[in-house]
Amino acid sequence: MIAIDVMGGDFAPHELLAGALIAAKKQVPVALFGPEEKVISHLKNLDASWSLYPIKIYDAPDEVAMDED
C-alpha cells in the first residue's frame, strides 16, 4: 500500500493524484490523505472511473501552509 498526503509538495494535489492513479491502475492499493471533497473533485477530473481502483480516501481537512511555524 502507498500512503500519500495529497496536499504536500510543490505541485499538489494534481501531480500527487496523477501518480496515485497510475499506481492504483496497476492494482497497488493507495491511501490518500487530504480534504475529501477536494481530493474527489481532482480525481474525477483526472479519471471519471477512479472509484473502480483500489483507492481509499481519508478526510484530513486541515492544511499547514508552507509559511506556518
PDB file of N, CA and C in Angstrom:
ATOM      1  N   MET A   1       0.844  -1.178   0.000  1.00  0.00           N
ATOM      2  CA  MET A   1       0.000   0.000   0.000  1.00  0.00           C
ATOM      3  C   MET A   1       0.883   1.233   0.000  1.00  0.00           C
ATOM      4  N   ILE A   2       0.412   2.251  -0.702  1.00  0.00           N
ATOM      5  CA  ILE A   2       1.076   3.544  -0.730  1.00  0.00           C
ATOM      6  C   ILE A   2       0.177   4.543  -0.006  1.00  0.00           C
ATOM      7  N   ALA A   3       0.743   5.317   0.924  1.00  0.00           N
ATOM      8  CA  ALA A   3       0.007   6.360   1.634  1.00  0.00           C
ATOM      9  C   ALA A   3       0.545   7.714   1.180  1.00  0.00           C
ATOM     10  N   ILE A   4      -0.377   8.630   0.823  1.00  0.00           N
ATOM     11  CA  ILE A   4       0.033   9.918   0.266  1.00  0.00           C
ATOM     12  C   ILE A   4      -0.704  11.066   0.941  1.00  0.00           C
ATOM     13  N   ASP A   5       0.062  12.074   1.371  1.00  0.00           N
ATOM     14  CA  ASP A   5      -0.501  13.349   1.811  1.00  0.00           C
ATOM     15  C   ASP A   5      -0.676  14.157   0.527  1.00  0.00           C
ATOM     16  N   VAL A   6      -1.888  14.231   0.017  1.00  0.00           N
ATOM     17  CA  VAL A   6      -2.106  14.827  -1.304  1.00  0.00           C
ATOM     18  C   VAL A   6      -1.913  16.334  -1.341  1.00  0.00           C
ATOM     19  N   MET A   7      -1.831  16.982  -0.188  1.00  0.00           N
ATOM     20  CA  MET A   7      -1.643  18.432  -0.170  1.00  0.00           C
ATOM     21  C   MET A   7      -0.182  18.810   0.069  1.00  0.00           C
ATOM     22  N   GLY A   8       0.696  17.821   0.157  1.00  0.00           N
ATOM     23  CA  GLY A   8       2.107  18.098   0.390  1.00  0.00           C
ATOM     24  C   GLY A   8       2.881  18.127  -0.919  1.00  0.00           C
ATOM     25  N   GLY A   9       3.748  19.088  -1.076  1.00  0.00           N
ATOM     26  CA  GLY A   9       4.577  19.147  -2.274  1.00  0.00           C
ATOM     27  C   GLY A   9       4.289  20.363  -3.129  1.00  0.00           C
ATOM     28  N   ASP A  10       5.208  20.651  -4.037  1.00  0.00           N
ATOM     29  CA  ASP A  10       5.113  21.851  -4.861  1.00  0.00           C
ATOM     30  C   ASP A  10       3.974  21.831  -5.872  1.00  0.00           C
ATOM     31  N   PHE A  11       3.625  20.682  -6.393  1.00  0.00           N
ATOM     32  CA  PHE A  11       2.603  20.614  -7.435  1.00  0.00           C
ATOM     33  C   PHE A  11       1.362  19.862  -6.966  1.00  0.00           C
ATOM     34  N   ALA A  12       1.114  19.942  -5.669  1.00  0.00           N
ATOM     35  CA  ALA A  12      -0.036  19.249  -5.076  1.00  0.00           C
ATOM     36  C   ALA A  12      -1.324  20.007  -5.388  1.00  0.00           C
ATOM     37  N   PRO A  13      -2.437  19.347  -5.458  1.00  0.00           N
ATOM     38  CA  PRO A  13      -2.596  17.900  -5.374  1.00  0.00           C
ATOM     39  C   PRO A  13      -2.527  17.192  -6.728  1.00  0.00           C
ATOM     40  N   HIS A  14      -2.523  17.961  -7.830  1.00  0.00           N
ATOM     41  CA  HIS A  14      -2.640  17.356  -9.158  1.00  0.00           C
ATOM     42  C   HIS A  14      -1.597  16.273  -9.421  1.00  0.00           C
ATOM     43  N   GLU A  15      -0.331  16.591  -9.282  1.00  0.00           N
ATOM     44  CA  GLU A  15       0.720  15.626  -9.622  1.00  0.00           C
ATOM     45  C   GLU A  15       0.688  14.404  -8.709  1.00  0.00           C
ATOM     46  N   LEU A  16       0.403  14.622  -7.447  1.00  0.00           N
ATOM     47  CA  LEU A  16       0.353  13.502  -6.499  1.00  0.00           C
ATOM     48  C   LEU A  16      -0.806  12.559  -6.828  1.00  0.00           C
ATOM     49  N   LEU A  17      -1.955  13.139  -7.183  1.00  0.00           N
ATOM     50  CA  LEU A  17      -3.105  12.308  -7.517  1.00  0.00           C
ATOM     51  C   LEU A  17      -2.917  11.607  -8.858  1.00  0.00           C
ATOM     52  N   ALA A  18      -2.258  12.259  -9.794  1.00  0.00           N
ATOM     53  CA  ALA A  18      -1.971  11.611 -11.075  1.00  0.00           C
ATOM     54  C   ALA A  18      -1.087  10.389 -10.853  1.00  0.00           C
ATOM     55  N   GLY A  19      -0.083  10.518 -10.009  1.00  0.00           N
ATOM     56  CA  GLY A  19       0.779   9.387  -9.682  1.00  0.00           C
ATOM     57  C   GLY A  19       0.049   8.294  -8.929  1.00  0.00           C
ATOM     58  N   ALA A  20      -0.819   8.700  -8.020  1.00  0.00           N
ATOM     59  CA  ALA A  20      -1.610   7.718  -7.266  1.00  0.00           C
ATOM     60  C   ALA A  20      -2.494   6.907  -8.201  1.00  0.00           C
ATOM     61  N   LEU A  21      -3.077   7.560  -9.191  1.00  0.00           N
ATOM     62  CA  LEU A  21      -3.920   6.848 -10.156  1.00  0.00           C
ATOM     63  C   LEU A  21      -3.113   5.844 -10.970  1.00  0.00           C
ATOM     64  N   ILE A  22      -1.911   6.219 -11.351  1.00  0.00           N
ATOM     65  CA  ILE A  22      -1.059   5.280 -12.095  1.00  0.00           C
ATOM     66  C   ILE A  22      -0.829   4.020 -11.268  1.00  0.00           C
ATOM     67  N   ALA A  23      -0.497   4.193  -9.999  1.00  0.00           N
ATOM     68  CA  ALA A  23      -0.272   3.040  -9.117  1.00  0.00           C
ATOM     69  C   ALA A  23      -1.550   2.221  -8.943  1.00  0.00           C
ATOM     70  N   ALA A  24      -2.654   2.903  -8.695  1.00  0.00           N
ATOM     71  CA  ALA A  24      -3.924   2.209  -8.454  1.00  0.00           C
ATOM     72  C   ALA A  24      -4.374   1.424  -9.694  1.00  0.00           C
ATOM     73  N   LYS A  25      -4.111   1.964 -10.876  1.00  0.00           N
ATOM     74  CA  LYS A  25      -4.478   1.254 -12.110  1.00  0.00           C
ATOM     75  C   LYS A  25      -3.650  -0.021 -12.287  1.00  0.00           C
ATOM     76  N   LYS A  26      -2.517  -0.099 -11.594  1.00  0.00           N
ATOM     77  CA  LYS A  26      -1.689  -1.313 -11.595  1.00  0.00           C
ATOM     78  C   LYS A  26      -2.033  -2.195 -10.401  1.00  0.00           C
ATOM     79  N   GLN A  27      -3.191  -1.902  -9.777  1.00  0.00           N
ATOM     80  CA  GLN A  27      -3.727  -2.653  -8.640  1.00  0.00           C
ATOM     81  C   GLN A  27      -2.889  -2.540  -7.369  1.00  0.00           C
ATOM     82  N   VAL A  28      -2.158  -1.438  -7.221  1.00  0.00           N
ATOM     83  CA  VAL A  28      -1.457  -1.140  -5.974  1.00  0.00           C
ATOM     84  C   VAL A  28      -2.421  -0.336  -5.104  1.00  0.00           C
ATOM     85  N   PRO A  29      -2.776  -0.819  -3.929  1.00  0.00           N
ATOM     86  CA  PRO A  29      -3.683  -0.067  -3.054  1.00  0.00           C
ATOM     87  C   PRO A  29      -3.071   1.278  -2.657  1.00  0.00           C
ATOM     88  N   VAL A  30      -3.910   2.314  -2.684  1.00  0.00           N
ATOM     89  CA  VAL A  30      -3.460   3.668  -2.382  1.00  0.00           C
ATOM     90  C   VAL A  30      -4.364   4.274  -1.312  1.00  0.00           C
ATOM     91  N   ALA A  31      -3.749   4.872  -0.294  1.00  0.00           N
ATOM     92  CA  ALA A  31      -4.473   5.607   0.752  1.00  0.00           C
ATOM     93  C   ALA A  31      -4.137   7.086   0.566  1.00  0.00           C
ATOM     94  N   LEU A  32      -5.167   7.889   0.353  1.00  0.00           N
ATOM     95  CA  LEU A  32      -4.983   9.320   0.133  1.00  0.00           C
ATOM     96  C   LEU A  32      -5.470  10.092   1.352  1.00  0.00           C
ATOM     97  N   PHE A  33      -4.640  11.010   1.833  1.00  0.00           N
ATOM     98  CA  PHE A  33      -4.975  11.824   2.992  1.00  0.00           C
ATOM     99  C   PHE A  33      -5.050  13.283   2.556  1.00  0.00           C
ATOM    100  N   GLY A  34      -6.205  13.906   2.781  1.00  0.00           N
ATOM    101  CA  GLY A  34      -6.398  15.304   2.411  1.00  0.00           C
ATOM    102  C   GLY A  34      -7.863  15.661   2.512  1.00  0.00           C
ATOM    103  N   PRO A  35      -8.210  16.898   2.143  1.00  0.00           N
ATOM    104  CA  PRO A  35      -9.609  17.315   2.193  1.00  0.00           C
ATOM    105  C   PRO A  35     -10.436  16.486   1.191  1.00  0.00           C
ATOM    106  N   GLU A  36     -11.329  15.669   1.713  1.00  0.00           N
ATOM    107  CA  GLU A  36     -12.030  14.676   0.900  1.00  0.00           C
ATOM    108  C   GLU A  36     -12.704  15.256  -0.341  1.00  0.00           C
ATOM    109  N   GLU A  37     -13.432  16.339  -0.190  1.00  0.00           N
ATOM    110  CA  GLU A  37     -14.141  16.916  -1.344  1.00  0.00           C
ATOM    111  C   GLU A  37     -13.166  17.365  -2.425  1.00  0.00           C
ATOM    112  N   LYS A  38     -12.074  17.977  -2.026  1.00  0.00           N
ATOM    113  CA  LYS A  38     -11.062  18.441  -2.980  1.00  0.00           C
ATOM    114  C   LYS A  38     -10.393  17.254  -3.675  1.00  0.00           C
ATOM    115  N   VAL A  39     -10.086  16.219  -2.913  1.00  0.00           N
ATOM    116  CA  VAL A  39      -9.451  15.025  -3.480  1.00  0.00           C
ATOM    117  C   VAL A  39     -10.371  14.375  -4.507  1.00  0.00           C
ATOM    118  N   ILE A  40     -11.625  14.195  -4.154  1.00  0.00           N
ATOM    119  CA  ILE A  40     -12.578  13.567  -5.071  1.00  0.00           C
ATOM    120  C   ILE A  40     -12.753  14.410  -6.332  1.00  0.00           C
ATOM    121  N   SER A  41     -12.861  15.707  -6.182  1.00  0.00           N
ATOM    122  CA  SER A  41     -13.009  16.590  -7.338  1.00  0.00           C
ATOM    123  C   SER A  41     -11.839  16.443  -8.305  1.00  0.00           C
ATOM    124  N   HIS A  42     -10.622  16.442  -7.773  1.00  0.00           N
ATOM    125  CA  HIS A  42      -9.436  16.296  -8.627  1.00  0.00           C
ATOM    126  C   HIS A  42      -9.382  14.909  -9.265  1.00  0.00           C
ATOM    127  N   LEU A  43      -9.717  13.880  -8.515  1.00  0.00           N
ATOM    128  CA  LEU A  43      -9.722  12.534  -9.080  1.00  0.00           C
ATOM    129  C   LEU A  43     -10.716  12.416 -10.224  1.00  0.00           C
ATOM    130  N   LYS A  44     -11.904  12.997 -10.047  1.00  0.00           N
ATOM    131  CA  LYS A  44     -12.915  12.964 -11.114  1.00  0.00           C
ATOM    132  C   LYS A  44     -12.415  13.647 -12.377  1.00  0.00           C
ATOM    133  N   ASN A  45     -11.678  14.745 -12.203  1.00  0.00           N
ATOM    134  CA  ASN A  45     -11.129  15.445 -13.368  1.00  0.00           C
ATOM    135  C   ASN A  45     -10.043  14.624 -14.064  1.00  0.00           C
ATOM    136  N   LEU A  46      -9.297  13.859 -13.306  1.00  0.00           N
ATOM    137  CA  LEU A  46      -8.231  13.034 -13.881  1.00  0.00           C
ATOM    138  C   LEU A  46      -8.768  11.773 -14.544  1.00  0.00           C
ATOM    139  N   ASP A  47      -9.765  11.148 -13.907  1.00  0.00           N
ATOM    140  CA  ASP A  47     -10.311   9.889 -14.415  1.00  0.00           C
ATOM    141  C   ASP A  47     -11.682   9.668 -13.782  1.00  0.00           C
ATOM    142  N   ALA A  48     -12.719   9.769 -14.591  1.00  0.00           N
ATOM    143  CA  ALA A  48     -14.090   9.644 -14.075  1.00  0.00           C
ATOM    144  C   ALA A  48     -14.336   8.285 -13.418  1.00  0.00           C
ATOM    145  N   SER A  49     -13.563   7.277 -13.776  1.00  0.00           N
ATOM    146  CA  SER A  49     -13.765   5.941 -13.203  1.00  0.00           C
ATOM    147  C   SER A  49     -12.780   5.637 -12.075  1.00  0.00           C
ATOM    148  N   TRP A  50     -12.270   6.668 -11.428  1.00  0.00           N
ATOM    149  CA  TRP A  50     -11.267   6.500 -10.374  1.00  0.00           C
ATOM    150  C   TRP A  50     -11.734   5.554  -9.268  1.00  0.00           C
ATOM    151  N   SER A  51     -13.032   5.537  -8.987  1.00  0.00           N
ATOM    152  CA  SER A  51     -13.540   4.734  -7.864  1.00  0.00           C
ATOM    153  C   SER A  51     -13.484   3.222  -8.137  1.00  0.00           C
ATOM    154  N   LEU A  52     -13.164   2.835  -9.352  1.00  0.00           N
ATOM    155  CA  LEU A  52     -13.039   1.416  -9.676  1.00  0.00           C
ATOM    156  C   LEU A  52     -11.693   0.837  -9.239  1.00  0.00           C
ATOM    157  N   TYR A  53     -10.784   1.704  -8.847  1.00  0.00           N
ATOM    158  CA  TYR A  53      -9.430   1.296  -8.482  1.00  0.00           C
ATOM    159  C   TYR A  53      -9.280   1.219  -6.964  1.00  0.00           C
ATOM    160  N   PRO A  54      -8.239   0.540  -6.484  1.00  0.00           N
ATOM    161  CA  PRO A  54      -8.063   0.375  -5.025  1.00  0.00           C
ATOM    162  C   PRO A  54      -7.549   1.660  -4.352  1.00  0.00           C
ATOM    163  N   ILE A  55      -8.458   2.632  -4.255  1.00  0.00           N
ATOM    164  CA  ILE A  55      -8.131   3.932  -3.661  1.00  0.00           C
ATOM    165  C   ILE A  55      -9.043   4.162  -2.465  1.00  0.00           C
ATOM    166  N   LYS A  56      -8.453   4.504  -1.344  1.00  0.00           N
ATOM    167  CA  LYS A  56      -9.219   4.845  -0.129  1.00  0.00           C
ATOM    168  C   LYS A  56      -8.846   6.269   0.255  1.00  0.00           C
ATOM    169  N   ILE A  57      -9.854   7.091   0.504  1.00  0.00           N
ATOM    170  CA  ILE A  57      -9.620   8.487   0.875  1.00  0.00           C
ATOM    171  C   ILE A  57      -9.903   8.661   2.358  1.00  0.00           C
ATOM    172  N   TYR A  58      -8.949   9.277   3.061  1.00  0.00           N
ATOM    173  CA  TYR A  58      -9.103   9.597   4.476  1.00  0.00           C
ATOM    174  C   TYR A  58      -9.204  11.116   4.586  1.00  0.00           C
ATOM    175  N   ASP A  59     -10.354  11.579   5.022  1.00  0.00           N
ATOM    176  CA  ASP A  59     -10.591  13.016   5.118  1.00  0.00           C
ATOM    177  C   ASP A  59      -9.664  13.648   6.149  1.00  0.00           C
ATOM    178  N   ALA A  60      -8.840  14.550   5.691  1.00  0.00           N
ATOM    179  CA  ALA A  60      -7.930  15.330   6.553  1.00  0.00           C
ATOM    180  C   ALA A  60      -8.065  16.775   6.125  1.00  0.00           C
ATOM    181  N   PRO A  61      -9.073  17.475   6.624  1.00  0.00           N
ATOM    182  CA  PRO A  61      -9.397  18.807   6.128  1.00  0.00           C
ATOM    183  C   PRO A  61      -8.424  19.908   6.501  1.00  0.00           C
ATOM    184  N   ASP A  62      -7.609  19.704   7.527  1.00  0.00           N
ATOM    185  CA  ASP A  62      -6.689  20.775   7.958  1.00  0.00           C
ATOM    186  C   ASP A  62      -5.426  20.744   7.120  1.00  0.00           C
ATOM    187  N   GLU A  63      -5.000  21.939   6.715  1.00  0.00           N
ATOM    188  CA  GLU A  63      -3.771  22.076   5.940  1.00  0.00           C
ATOM    189  C   GLU A  63      -2.798  22.984   6.706  1.00  0.00           C
ATOM    190  N   VAL A  64      -1.522  22.679   6.619  1.00  0.00           N
ATOM    191  CA  VAL A  64      -0.487  23.504   7.207  1.00  0.00           C
ATOM    192  C   VAL A  64       0.245  24.196   6.049  1.00  0.00           C
ATOM    193  N   ALA A  65       0.168  25.506   5.989  1.00  0.00           N
ATOM    194  CA  ALA A  65       0.806  26.259   4.919  1.00  0.00           C
ATOM    195  C   ALA A  65       2.317  26.230   5.049  1.00  0.00           C
ATOM    196  N   MET A  66       2.990  26.441   3.937  1.00  0.00           N
ATOM    197  CA  MET A  66       4.459  26.398   3.935  1.00  0.00           C
ATOM    198  C   MET A  66       5.072  27.470   4.838  1.00  0.00           C
ATOM    199  N   ASP A  67       4.374  28.597   5.030  1.00  0.00           N
ATOM    200  CA  ASP A  67       4.930  29.685   5.824  1.00  0.00           C
ATOM    201  C   ASP A  67       4.553  29.610   7.307  1.00  0.00           C
ATOM    202  N   GLU A  68       3.844  28.560   7.715  1.00  0.00           N
ATOM    203  CA  GLU A  68       3.472  28.411   9.117  1.00  0.00           C
ATOM    204  C   GLU A  68       4.607  27.755   9.903  1.00  0.00           C
ATOM    205  N   ASP A  69       4.694  28.112  11.199  1.00  0.00           N
ATOM    206  CA  ASP A  69       5.703  27.506  12.075  1.00  0.00           C
ATOM    207  C   ASP A  69       5.278  26.121  12.483  1.00  0.00           C
TER     208      ASP A  69
END
